[in-house]
Amino acid sequence: MGIALAVRAKANCTGNRVGAVIVKGNRVISTGYNGVPEGMTNCLDGGCLRCRNEGGQFPSGTGYDLCICVHAEQNALLSAARFGIAVEGATMYTTMQPCFGCAKELVQAKILKVVFIHSWAPSDADPEMDKKKKAEYDKITAKFNIKKLDMVDPDQAWAVTSKRDQG
């Protein structure tokens, strides 16, 4: 997890800053952090419409379909794929619990275990829809071993923007 924390320092998103590491056979095989695709203007420099959120047009939990950021977990998987490194049977250490989309990708990549520090939960204004989303998320994450690591994050105030995600 220490390596995931170090990798997270490169995150260039204005929201949560996340680092991820894929380990197989006790060896680091790939890392990733969240930010825009290579060659695009960073979020911190105004590159992402959703992250810029001019005039507050995107309430919390909305507008993700317009976000150009690639999540840390996705970047770690894509980096491994780019260099022909098999991830099947590996463990992912990530500073934040994978979102719905990343959880699906981890199942598809056959990651066996995920260890995280900060909790994530789907959000919706409708509590009934929140329950449905959680049930679907639980269905996906039941496909791998997922564990919250109880540890102090020395840079939590910088890395985690949502109070909901600080659990």
N, C-alpha and C. Protein backbone atom coordinates (compact mmCIF):
# COMPACT_ATOMS: atom_id res chain seq x y z
N MET A 1 0.84 -1.20 0.00
CA MET A 1 0.00 0.00 0.00
C MET A 1 0.88 1.25 0.00
N GLY A 2 2.05 1.14 0.58
CA GLY A 2 2.97 2.27 0.57
C GLY A 2 3.32 2.72 -0.84
N ILE A 3 3.45 1.77 -1.75
CA ILE A 3 3.74 2.11 -3.14
C ILE A 3 2.54 2.80 -3.78
N ALA A 4 1.33 2.34 -3.49
CA ALA A 4 0.12 2.99 -4.01
C ALA A 4 0.04 4.44 -3.52
N LEU A 5 0.39 4.66 -2.26
CA LEU A 5 0.40 6.03 -1.72
C LEU A 5 1.43 6.89 -2.45
N ALA A 6 2.60 6.32 -2.74
CA ALA A 6 3.64 7.07 -3.45
C ALA A 6 3.22 7.37 -4.89
N VAL A 7 2.62 6.41 -5.57
CA VAL A 7 2.16 6.59 -6.95
C VAL A 7 1.07 7.66 -7.00
N ARG A 8 0.23 7.70 -5.99
CA ARG A 8 -0.88 8.66 -5.93
C ARG A 8 -0.38 10.11 -6.03
N ALA A 9 0.84 10.36 -5.63
CA ALA A 9 1.38 11.73 -5.67
C ALA A 9 1.38 12.31 -7.08
N LYS A 10 1.33 11.45 -8.11
CA LYS A 10 1.31 11.90 -9.50
C LYS A 10 -0.10 12.22 -9.99
N ALA A 11 -1.13 11.87 -9.21
CA ALA A 11 -2.51 12.10 -9.63
C ALA A 11 -2.73 13.57 -9.93
N ASN A 12 -3.40 13.84 -11.06
CA ASN A 12 -3.61 15.24 -11.45
C ASN A 12 -5.08 15.59 -11.57
N CYS A 13 -5.92 14.93 -10.78
CA CYS A 13 -7.35 15.19 -10.77
C CYS A 13 -7.68 16.23 -9.69
N THR A 14 -8.70 17.02 -9.93
CA THR A 14 -9.11 18.00 -8.92
C THR A 14 -9.99 17.37 -7.85
N GLY A 15 -10.46 16.16 -8.11
CA GLY A 15 -11.28 15.44 -7.13
C GLY A 15 -10.40 14.56 -6.27
N ASN A 16 -10.86 13.35 -6.00
CA ASN A 16 -10.07 12.41 -5.22
C ASN A 16 -8.80 12.05 -6.00
N ARG A 17 -7.72 11.91 -5.26
CA ARG A 17 -6.45 11.51 -5.87
C ARG A 17 -6.17 10.08 -5.43
N VAL A 18 -5.99 9.20 -6.41
CA VAL A 18 -5.92 7.77 -6.14
C VAL A 18 -4.69 7.17 -6.79
N GLY A 19 -4.07 6.23 -6.08
CA GLY A 19 -2.96 5.45 -6.62
C GLY A 19 -3.30 3.98 -6.53
N ALA A 20 -2.81 3.18 -7.48
CA ALA A 20 -3.09 1.75 -7.50
C ALA A 20 -1.83 0.99 -7.91
N VAL A 21 -1.69 -0.21 -7.34
CA VAL A 21 -0.56 -1.08 -7.64
C VAL A 21 -1.10 -2.49 -7.85
N ILE A 22 -0.63 -3.17 -8.88
CA ILE A 22 -0.99 -4.56 -9.10
C ILE A 22 0.23 -5.41 -8.74
N VAL A 23 -0.01 -6.41 -7.89
CA VAL A 23 1.05 -7.28 -7.40
C VAL A 23 0.71 -8.72 -7.75
N LYS A 24 1.70 -9.45 -8.24
CA LYS A 24 1.52 -10.86 -8.56
C LYS A 24 2.80 -11.60 -8.16
N GLY A 25 2.65 -12.67 -7.41
CA GLY A 25 3.82 -13.41 -6.97
C GLY A 25 4.76 -12.56 -6.13
N ASN A 26 4.18 -11.69 -5.29
CA ASN A 26 4.94 -10.78 -4.42
C ASN A 26 5.82 -9.80 -5.20
N ARG A 27 5.46 -9.52 -6.44
CA ARG A 27 6.20 -8.54 -7.25
C ARG A 27 5.23 -7.51 -7.81
N VAL A 28 5.66 -6.26 -7.80
CA VAL A 28 4.86 -5.20 -8.42
C VAL A 28 4.95 -5.39 -9.93
N ILE A 29 3.79 -5.51 -10.58
CA ILE A 29 3.79 -5.68 -12.03
C ILE A 29 3.23 -4.48 -12.78
N SER A 30 2.53 -3.58 -12.07
CA SER A 30 1.98 -2.40 -12.72
C SER A 30 1.51 -1.40 -11.68
N THR A 31 1.52 -0.13 -12.05
CA THR A 31 1.01 0.93 -11.18
C THR A 31 0.14 1.87 -12.01
N GLY A 32 -0.67 2.65 -11.33
CA GLY A 32 -1.48 3.65 -12.01
C GLY A 32 -1.97 4.70 -11.04
N TYR A 33 -2.26 5.86 -11.56
CA TYR A 33 -2.86 6.95 -10.77
C TYR A 33 -3.93 7.59 -11.64
N ASN A 34 -4.83 8.34 -11.01
CA ASN A 34 -5.91 8.93 -11.79
C ASN A 34 -5.49 10.26 -12.39
N GLY A 35 -5.91 10.44 -13.63
CA GLY A 35 -5.61 11.66 -14.36
C GLY A 35 -6.05 11.52 -15.80
N VAL A 36 -5.81 12.54 -16.58
CA VAL A 36 -6.24 12.56 -17.98
C VAL A 36 -5.35 11.64 -18.82
N PRO A 37 -5.84 11.21 -19.99
CA PRO A 37 -5.02 10.40 -20.88
C PRO A 37 -3.74 11.15 -21.28
N GLU A 38 -2.72 10.37 -21.56
CA GLU A 38 -1.42 10.93 -21.95
C GLU A 38 -1.57 11.91 -23.11
N GLY A 39 -0.90 13.04 -23.00
CA GLY A 39 -0.90 14.04 -24.06
C GLY A 39 -2.04 15.05 -23.99
N MET A 40 -2.92 14.91 -22.98
CA MET A 40 -4.03 15.86 -22.83
C MET A 40 -3.75 16.80 -21.66
N THR A 41 -4.40 17.96 -21.66
CA THR A 41 -4.22 18.94 -20.59
C THR A 41 -4.75 18.38 -19.28
N ASN A 42 -3.92 18.44 -18.24
CA ASN A 42 -4.29 17.93 -16.91
C ASN A 42 -5.52 18.63 -16.35
N CYS A 43 -6.22 17.91 -15.49
CA CYS A 43 -7.37 18.49 -14.78
C CYS A 43 -6.95 19.72 -13.99
N LEU A 44 -5.82 19.61 -13.33
CA LEU A 44 -5.36 20.73 -12.50
C LEU A 44 -5.10 21.98 -13.33
N ASP A 45 -4.93 21.81 -14.65
CA ASP A 45 -4.72 22.93 -15.57
C ASP A 45 -5.98 23.24 -16.37
N GLY A 46 -7.13 22.68 -15.95
CA GLY A 46 -8.41 22.98 -16.59
C GLY A 46 -8.76 22.09 -17.75
N GLY A 47 -8.11 20.94 -17.90
CA GLY A 47 -8.31 20.08 -19.06
C GLY A 47 -9.63 19.31 -19.09
N CYS A 48 -10.26 19.12 -17.94
CA CYS A 48 -11.48 18.30 -17.89
C CYS A 48 -12.69 19.19 -17.57
N LEU A 49 -13.68 19.16 -18.45
CA LEU A 49 -14.90 19.96 -18.27
C LEU A 49 -15.59 19.66 -16.94
N ARG A 50 -15.73 18.37 -16.62
CA ARG A 50 -16.42 18.00 -15.39
C ARG A 50 -15.64 18.47 -14.16
N CYS A 51 -14.33 18.28 -14.19
CA CYS A 51 -13.53 18.68 -13.04
C CYS A 51 -13.47 20.21 -12.89
N ARG A 52 -13.50 20.93 -14.02
CA ARG A 52 -13.54 22.40 -13.96
C ARG A 52 -14.84 22.84 -13.31
N ASN A 53 -15.93 22.19 -13.67
CA ASN A 53 -17.26 22.42 -13.10
C ASN A 53 -17.62 23.90 -13.00
N GLU A 54 -17.46 24.59 -14.09
CA GLU A 54 -17.76 26.03 -14.13
C GLU A 54 -19.20 26.29 -13.77
N GLY A 55 -19.42 27.18 -12.84
CA GLY A 55 -20.76 27.55 -12.41
C GLY A 55 -21.48 26.46 -11.64
N GLY A 56 -20.75 25.45 -11.19
CA GLY A 56 -21.36 24.38 -10.41
C GLY A 56 -22.40 23.58 -11.19
N GLN A 57 -22.19 23.45 -12.51
CA GLN A 57 -23.18 22.77 -13.35
C GLN A 57 -23.30 21.27 -13.07
N PHE A 58 -22.28 20.68 -12.42
CA PHE A 58 -22.32 19.24 -12.12
C PHE A 58 -22.38 19.02 -10.61
N PRO A 59 -23.57 18.77 -10.07
CA PRO A 59 -23.66 18.46 -8.65
C PRO A 59 -22.85 17.19 -8.33
N SER A 60 -22.48 17.03 -7.10
CA SER A 60 -21.71 15.87 -6.68
C SER A 60 -22.35 14.58 -7.18
N GLY A 61 -21.53 13.71 -7.76
CA GLY A 61 -22.01 12.42 -8.23
C GLY A 61 -22.59 12.43 -9.64
N THR A 62 -22.53 13.57 -10.34
CA THR A 62 -23.09 13.65 -11.69
C THR A 62 -22.02 14.06 -12.69
N GLY A 63 -22.33 13.88 -13.96
CA GLY A 63 -21.46 14.34 -15.04
C GLY A 63 -20.25 13.47 -15.31
N TYR A 64 -20.22 12.29 -14.75
CA TYR A 64 -19.05 11.43 -14.94
C TYR A 64 -18.87 10.99 -16.39
N ASP A 65 -19.95 10.99 -17.16
CA ASP A 65 -19.83 10.60 -18.57
C ASP A 65 -19.05 11.64 -19.37
N LEU A 66 -18.86 12.83 -18.81
CA LEU A 66 -18.08 13.87 -19.47
C LEU A 66 -16.66 13.99 -18.92
N CYS A 67 -16.35 13.25 -17.89
CA CYS A 67 -15.03 13.32 -17.27
C CYS A 67 -14.02 12.58 -18.15
N ILE A 68 -12.90 13.22 -18.47
CA ILE A 68 -11.89 12.58 -19.31
C ILE A 68 -10.82 11.87 -18.49
N CYS A 69 -10.91 11.91 -17.18
CA CYS A 69 -9.91 11.25 -16.34
C CYS A 69 -10.01 9.74 -16.45
N VAL A 70 -8.85 9.10 -16.37
CA VAL A 70 -8.76 7.65 -16.32
C VAL A 70 -8.46 7.31 -14.86
N HIS A 71 -9.23 6.38 -14.30
CA HIS A 71 -9.05 6.02 -12.89
C HIS A 71 -7.74 5.27 -12.68
N ALA A 72 -7.23 5.33 -11.46
CA ALA A 72 -5.96 4.69 -11.12
C ALA A 72 -5.98 3.20 -11.42
N GLU A 73 -7.09 2.55 -11.06
CA GLU A 73 -7.21 1.11 -11.30
C GLU A 73 -7.19 0.82 -12.80
N GLN A 74 -7.88 1.64 -13.58
CA GLN A 74 -7.88 1.47 -15.04
C GLN A 74 -6.47 1.67 -15.59
N ASN A 75 -5.79 2.72 -15.13
CA ASN A 75 -4.44 2.99 -15.61
C ASN A 75 -3.49 1.84 -15.29
N ALA A 76 -3.62 1.24 -14.11
CA ALA A 76 -2.76 0.11 -13.76
C ALA A 76 -3.04 -1.08 -14.69
N LEU A 77 -4.32 -1.37 -14.95
CA LEU A 77 -4.67 -2.46 -15.86
C LEU A 77 -4.19 -2.17 -17.29
N LEU A 78 -4.40 -0.94 -17.74
CA LEU A 78 -4.00 -0.58 -19.11
C LEU A 78 -2.49 -0.58 -19.29
N SER A 79 -1.78 -0.14 -18.27
CA SER A 79 -0.31 -0.16 -18.33
C SER A 79 0.20 -1.59 -18.45
N ALA A 80 -0.36 -2.49 -17.67
CA ALA A 80 0.04 -3.90 -17.75
C ALA A 80 -0.27 -4.43 -19.16
N ALA A 81 -1.45 -4.11 -19.69
CA ALA A 81 -1.83 -4.59 -21.02
C ALA A 81 -0.88 -4.03 -22.08
N ARG A 82 -0.54 -2.76 -21.98
CA ARG A 82 0.35 -2.12 -22.96
C ARG A 82 1.68 -2.84 -23.06
N PHE A 83 2.16 -3.33 -21.93
CA PHE A 83 3.47 -3.99 -21.91
C PHE A 83 3.38 -5.52 -21.89
N GLY A 84 2.18 -6.04 -22.14
CA GLY A 84 2.00 -7.48 -22.26
C GLY A 84 2.17 -8.24 -20.96
N ILE A 85 1.78 -7.64 -19.86
CA ILE A 85 1.91 -8.27 -18.54
C ILE A 85 0.56 -8.83 -18.11
N ALA A 86 0.51 -10.13 -17.86
CA ALA A 86 -0.73 -10.78 -17.44
C ALA A 86 -1.06 -10.41 -16.00
N VAL A 87 -2.30 -10.06 -15.74
CA VAL A 87 -2.72 -9.68 -14.39
C VAL A 87 -3.63 -10.72 -13.75
N GLU A 88 -4.02 -11.74 -14.48
CA GLU A 88 -4.91 -12.76 -13.95
C GLU A 88 -4.31 -13.37 -12.68
N GLY A 89 -5.13 -13.41 -11.62
CA GLY A 89 -4.70 -13.98 -10.35
C GLY A 89 -3.95 -13.01 -9.45
N ALA A 90 -3.84 -11.75 -9.85
CA ALA A 90 -3.07 -10.75 -9.09
C ALA A 90 -3.92 -10.08 -8.01
N THR A 91 -3.24 -9.30 -7.18
CA THR A 91 -3.87 -8.48 -6.14
C THR A 91 -3.67 -7.02 -6.52
N MET A 92 -4.72 -6.22 -6.32
CA MET A 92 -4.60 -4.78 -6.52
C MET A 92 -4.67 -4.09 -5.16
N TYR A 93 -3.72 -3.21 -4.92
CA TYR A 93 -3.73 -2.32 -3.77
C TYR A 93 -4.08 -0.95 -4.31
N THR A 94 -5.12 -0.35 -3.76
CA THR A 94 -5.57 0.95 -4.24
C THR A 94 -5.92 1.83 -3.04
N THR A 95 -5.65 3.11 -3.17
CA THR A 95 -5.88 4.00 -2.04
C THR A 95 -7.37 4.28 -1.82
N MET A 96 -8.20 3.98 -2.85
CA MET A 96 -9.64 4.15 -2.69
C MET A 96 -10.36 2.93 -3.24
N GLN A 97 -11.41 2.52 -2.57
CA GLN A 97 -12.23 1.40 -3.02
C GLN A 97 -12.65 1.63 -4.47
N PRO A 98 -12.51 0.63 -5.32
CA PRO A 98 -12.85 0.82 -6.73
C PRO A 98 -14.32 1.23 -6.93
N CYS A 99 -14.53 2.11 -7.89
CA CYS A 99 -15.89 2.51 -8.25
C CYS A 99 -16.57 1.36 -8.99
N PHE A 100 -17.81 1.55 -9.34
CA PHE A 100 -18.60 0.54 -10.03
C PHE A 100 -17.92 0.08 -11.32
N GLY A 101 -17.51 1.04 -12.16
CA GLY A 101 -16.88 0.71 -13.43
C GLY A 101 -15.57 -0.02 -13.26
N CYS A 102 -14.73 0.45 -12.35
CA CYS A 102 -13.44 -0.19 -12.12
C CYS A 102 -13.63 -1.59 -11.54
N ALA A 103 -14.61 -1.77 -10.69
CA ALA A 103 -14.88 -3.10 -10.12
C ALA A 103 -15.21 -4.09 -11.22
N LYS A 104 -16.03 -3.68 -12.20
CA LYS A 104 -16.36 -4.55 -13.33
C LYS A 104 -15.10 -4.91 -14.11
N GLU A 105 -14.24 -3.93 -14.34
CA GLU A 105 -13.02 -4.17 -15.10
C GLU A 105 -12.07 -5.10 -14.34
N LEU A 106 -12.02 -4.98 -13.03
CA LEU A 106 -11.17 -5.87 -12.23
C LEU A 106 -11.67 -7.31 -12.30
N VAL A 107 -12.98 -7.49 -12.28
CA VAL A 107 -13.55 -8.84 -12.42
C VAL A 107 -13.17 -9.39 -13.80
N GLN A 108 -13.36 -8.58 -14.83
CA GLN A 108 -13.08 -9.03 -16.19
C GLN A 108 -11.60 -9.36 -16.39
N ALA A 109 -10.71 -8.64 -15.70
CA ALA A 109 -9.26 -8.88 -15.80
C ALA A 109 -8.83 -10.06 -14.93
N LYS A 110 -9.77 -10.58 -14.14
CA LYS A 110 -9.53 -11.72 -13.24
C LYS A 110 -8.57 -11.40 -12.10
N ILE A 111 -8.66 -10.16 -11.58
CA ILE A 111 -7.96 -9.80 -10.36
C ILE A 111 -8.63 -10.58 -9.23
N LEU A 112 -7.85 -11.21 -8.37
CA LEU A 112 -8.43 -12.06 -7.32
C LEU A 112 -8.69 -11.33 -6.00
N LYS A 113 -7.92 -10.27 -5.74
CA LYS A 113 -8.04 -9.60 -4.44
C LYS A 113 -7.82 -8.11 -4.63
N VAL A 114 -8.59 -7.32 -3.88
CA VAL A 114 -8.44 -5.86 -3.87
C VAL A 114 -8.34 -5.41 -2.42
N VAL A 115 -7.32 -4.62 -2.13
CA VAL A 115 -7.12 -4.05 -0.79
C VAL A 115 -7.14 -2.53 -0.95
N PHE A 116 -7.94 -1.85 -0.12
CA PHE A 116 -8.08 -0.39 -0.24
C PHE A 116 -8.04 0.27 1.13
N ILE A 117 -7.84 1.59 1.13
CA ILE A 117 -7.83 2.37 2.39
C ILE A 117 -9.15 3.12 2.57
N HIS A 118 -9.52 3.93 1.57
CA HIS A 118 -10.69 4.80 1.69
C HIS A 118 -11.91 4.17 1.01
N SER A 119 -13.05 4.26 1.67
CA SER A 119 -14.29 3.70 1.14
C SER A 119 -14.85 4.58 0.03
N TRP A 120 -15.56 3.94 -0.86
CA TRP A 120 -16.30 4.61 -1.92
C TRP A 120 -17.70 3.99 -1.94
N ALA A 121 -18.68 4.79 -2.25
CA ALA A 121 -20.04 4.27 -2.38
C ALA A 121 -20.74 5.02 -3.49
N PRO A 122 -21.55 4.34 -4.29
CA PRO A 122 -22.32 5.05 -5.31
C PRO A 122 -23.26 6.04 -4.63
N SER A 123 -23.45 7.19 -5.25
CA SER A 123 -24.33 8.18 -4.64
C SER A 123 -25.48 8.50 -5.58
N ASP A 124 -26.61 8.74 -4.98
CA ASP A 124 -27.80 9.10 -5.74
C ASP A 124 -28.70 9.88 -4.79
N ALA A 125 -29.43 10.81 -5.33
CA ALA A 125 -30.33 11.60 -4.50
C ALA A 125 -31.45 10.75 -3.92
N ASP A 126 -31.76 9.66 -4.60
CA ASP A 126 -32.85 8.78 -4.19
C ASP A 126 -32.30 7.62 -3.37
N PRO A 127 -32.65 7.54 -2.06
CA PRO A 127 -32.13 6.46 -1.21
C PRO A 127 -32.49 5.06 -1.73
N GLU A 128 -33.65 4.89 -2.37
CA GLU A 128 -34.02 3.59 -2.93
C GLU A 128 -33.07 3.19 -4.05
N MET A 129 -32.69 4.17 -4.88
CA MET A 129 -31.76 3.89 -5.97
C MET A 129 -30.38 3.59 -5.39
N ASP A 130 -30.00 4.28 -4.32
CA ASP A 130 -28.73 3.99 -3.65
C ASP A 130 -28.68 2.52 -3.22
N LYS A 131 -29.78 2.00 -2.66
CA LYS A 131 -29.84 0.59 -2.23
C LYS A 131 -29.66 -0.34 -3.41
N LYS A 132 -30.30 -0.01 -4.53
CA LYS A 132 -30.20 -0.85 -5.73
C LYS A 132 -28.77 -0.83 -6.27
N LYS A 133 -28.16 0.35 -6.29
CA LYS A 133 -26.79 0.45 -6.78
C LYS A 133 -25.83 -0.34 -5.89
N LYS A 134 -26.04 -0.25 -4.58
CA LYS A 134 -25.17 -0.99 -3.65
C LYS A 134 -25.32 -2.48 -3.87
N ALA A 135 -26.55 -2.95 -4.08
CA ALA A 135 -26.78 -4.38 -4.31
C ALA A 135 -26.06 -4.84 -5.58
N GLU A 136 -26.11 -4.04 -6.63
CA GLU A 136 -25.42 -4.39 -7.87
C GLU A 136 -23.90 -4.36 -7.67
N TYR A 137 -23.42 -3.37 -6.94
CA TYR A 137 -21.98 -3.26 -6.66
C TYR A 137 -21.52 -4.49 -5.86
N ASP A 138 -22.30 -4.87 -4.87
CA ASP A 138 -21.95 -6.04 -4.05
C ASP A 138 -21.92 -7.32 -4.89
N LYS A 139 -22.81 -7.40 -5.87
CA LYS A 139 -22.84 -8.56 -6.77
C LYS A 139 -21.52 -8.66 -7.55
N ILE A 140 -21.03 -7.52 -8.01
CA ILE A 140 -19.78 -7.49 -8.78
C ILE A 140 -18.59 -7.80 -7.87
N THR A 141 -18.50 -7.12 -6.74
CA THR A 141 -17.32 -7.29 -5.87
C THR A 141 -17.29 -8.64 -5.17
N ALA A 142 -18.38 -9.39 -5.21
CA ALA A 142 -18.39 -10.75 -4.67
C ALA A 142 -17.52 -11.68 -5.52
N LYS A 143 -17.14 -11.22 -6.70
CA LYS A 143 -16.32 -12.03 -7.62
C LYS A 143 -14.83 -12.00 -7.27
N PHE A 144 -14.44 -11.11 -6.36
CA PHE A 144 -13.06 -11.11 -5.88
C PHE A 144 -13.06 -10.82 -4.38
N ASN A 145 -11.96 -11.10 -3.74
CA ASN A 145 -11.81 -10.83 -2.31
C ASN A 145 -11.50 -9.34 -2.16
N ILE A 146 -12.34 -8.61 -1.44
CA ILE A 146 -12.12 -7.17 -1.26
C ILE A 146 -12.01 -6.88 0.23
N LYS A 147 -11.01 -6.07 0.58
CA LYS A 147 -10.72 -5.83 2.00
C LYS A 147 -10.31 -4.38 2.22
N LYS A 148 -10.91 -3.77 3.23
CA LYS A 148 -10.52 -2.42 3.65
C LYS A 148 -9.38 -2.54 4.64
N LEU A 149 -8.29 -1.89 4.36
CA LEU A 149 -7.12 -1.90 5.22
C LEU A 149 -7.23 -0.77 6.23
N ASP A 150 -7.09 -1.09 7.48
CA ASP A 150 -7.18 -0.07 8.54
C ASP A 150 -5.80 0.53 8.75
N MET A 151 -5.58 1.68 8.15
CA MET A 151 -4.29 2.37 8.31
C MET A 151 -4.50 3.87 8.18
N VAL A 152 -3.59 4.61 8.73
CA VAL A 152 -3.64 6.07 8.68
C VAL A 152 -3.06 6.52 7.34
N ASP A 153 -3.78 7.41 6.67
CA ASP A 153 -3.30 8.00 5.42
C ASP A 153 -2.76 9.38 5.76
N PRO A 154 -1.45 9.56 5.70
CA PRO A 154 -0.87 10.85 6.10
C PRO A 154 -1.29 12.03 5.21
N ASP A 155 -1.74 11.76 4.00
CA ASP A 155 -2.14 12.82 3.08
C ASP A 155 -3.63 12.81 2.76
N GLN A 156 -4.43 12.28 3.67
CA GLN A 156 -5.87 12.14 3.44
C GLN A 156 -6.53 13.47 3.10
N ALA A 157 -6.19 14.53 3.79
CA ALA A 157 -6.84 15.82 3.55
C ALA A 157 -6.60 16.31 2.12
N TRP A 158 -5.44 15.99 1.55
CA TRP A 158 -5.11 16.37 0.17
C TRP A 158 -5.75 15.43 -0.84
N ALA A 159 -5.80 14.16 -0.51
CA ALA A 159 -6.18 13.13 -1.48
C ALA A 159 -7.67 12.83 -1.56
N VAL A 160 -8.39 13.01 -0.47
CA VAL A 160 -9.79 12.60 -0.43
C VAL A 160 -10.66 13.83 -0.25
N THR A 161 -11.45 14.14 -1.29
CA THR A 161 -12.22 15.38 -1.26
C THR A 161 -13.62 15.21 -0.67
N SER A 162 -14.20 14.04 -0.81
CA SER A 162 -15.57 13.83 -0.36
C SER A 162 -15.60 13.24 1.06
N LYS A 163 -16.39 13.84 1.92
CA LYS A 163 -16.54 13.32 3.28
C LYS A 163 -17.06 11.89 3.25
N ARG A 164 -17.93 11.60 2.28
CA ARG A 164 -18.50 10.26 2.15
C ARG A 164 -17.41 9.22 1.88
N ASP A 165 -16.33 9.65 1.19
CA ASP A 165 -15.26 8.74 0.80
C ASP A 165 -14.16 8.60 1.85
N GLN A 166 -14.30 9.23 2.99
CA GLN A 166 -13.22 9.23 3.96
C GLN A 166 -13.36 8.13 5.01
N GLY A 167 -14.39 7.28 4.87
CA GLY A 167 -14.65 6.23 5.85
C GLY A 167 -13.62 5.15 5.93
